[in-house]
Amino acid sequence: MHSRYELVIYWSADDQRFIVEVPELPGCMADGESYQDAVANVQIVIDEWVETALLQNRAIPQAAGKLMYA
């Protein structure tokens, strides 16, 4: 599934990898050797985040689109 959550993507010189954070889903982030790998990896993590929230009967935030601070 491809989500509509905002992704914040940046290069980490320390890790030598692209990092992707999903601000609307606390703790949801992934990395990858390339930009494309990082985005593909975070899609998997988003699906797992949502699946875990459902199993724990937690609210799943709706994708709000562009955030004001991003």
Protein backbone atom coordinates (compact mmCIF):
# COMPACT_ATOMS: atom_id res chain seq x y z
CA MET A 1 0.00 0.00 0.00
CA HIS A 2 1.27 3.47 -0.80
CA SER A 3 0.39 5.99 1.85
CA ARG A 4 -0.30 9.68 1.58
CA TYR A 5 1.63 10.64 4.70
CA GLU A 6 4.21 13.37 4.44
CA LEU A 7 7.78 12.08 4.21
CA VAL A 8 10.81 14.04 5.40
CA ILE A 9 13.87 12.72 3.56
CA TYR A 10 17.46 13.72 4.23
CA TRP A 11 21.01 12.48 3.81
CA SER A 12 22.85 11.34 6.95
CA ALA A 13 26.59 11.84 6.54
CA ASP A 14 27.19 9.89 9.76
CA ASP A 15 25.29 6.85 8.50
CA GLN A 16 26.02 7.33 4.78
CA ARG A 17 22.34 6.63 4.10
CA PHE A 18 19.14 8.45 3.26
CA ILE A 19 16.82 8.74 6.26
CA VAL A 20 13.04 9.05 5.93
CA GLU A 21 10.82 10.20 8.79
CA VAL A 22 7.00 10.20 8.87
CA PRO A 23 6.10 13.08 11.22
CA GLU A 24 2.42 12.11 11.48
CA LEU A 25 3.27 8.59 12.75
CA PRO A 26 5.42 8.86 15.90
CA GLY A 27 8.59 6.82 15.68
CA CYS A 28 7.98 5.82 12.07
CA MET A 29 11.19 6.06 10.06
CA ALA A 30 13.43 4.07 7.74
CA ASP A 31 16.65 4.36 5.80
CA GLY A 32 18.22 3.22 2.56
CA GLU A 33 21.40 3.33 0.53
CA SER A 34 19.60 5.31 -2.18
CA TYR A 35 16.73 7.79 -2.11
CA GLN A 36 14.50 5.22 -3.82
CA ASP A 37 15.47 2.45 -1.38
CA ALA A 38 14.70 4.70 1.59
CA VAL A 39 11.24 5.57 0.24
CA ALA A 40 10.48 1.92 -0.55
CA ASN A 41 11.62 0.89 2.93
CA VAL A 42 9.50 3.52 4.68
CA GLN A 43 6.40 2.34 2.81
CA ILE A 44 6.92 -1.08 4.41
CA VAL A 45 7.43 0.49 7.84
CA ILE A 46 4.27 2.63 7.44
CA ASP A 47 2.25 -0.50 6.66
CA GLU A 48 3.71 -2.24 9.72
CA TRP A 49 3.06 0.85 11.90
CA VAL A 50 -0.60 0.90 10.86
CA GLU A 51 -0.96 -2.89 11.30
CA THR A 52 0.50 -2.68 14.82
CA ALA A 53 -1.77 0.25 15.74
CA LEU A 54 -4.81 -1.73 14.57
CA LEU A 55 -3.76 -4.76 16.63
CA GLN A 56 -3.40 -2.56 19.70
CA ASN A 57 -6.69 -0.71 19.07
CA ARG A 58 -4.86 2.60 18.74
CA ALA A 59 -5.99 5.51 16.60
CA ILE A 60 -4.41 5.83 13.18
CA PRO A 61 -3.83 9.44 12.15
CA GLN A 62 -5.29 10.49 8.83
CA ALA A 63 -2.77 11.84 6.36
CA ALA A 64 -3.05 15.61 6.62
CA GLY A 65 -0.95 16.54 3.61
CA LYS A 66 1.72 19.21 3.81
CA LEU A 67 2.58 20.14 7.37
CA MET A 68 3.20 23.76 8.26
CA TYR A 69 6.73 23.26 9.58
CA ALA A 70 8.07 20.97 6.87
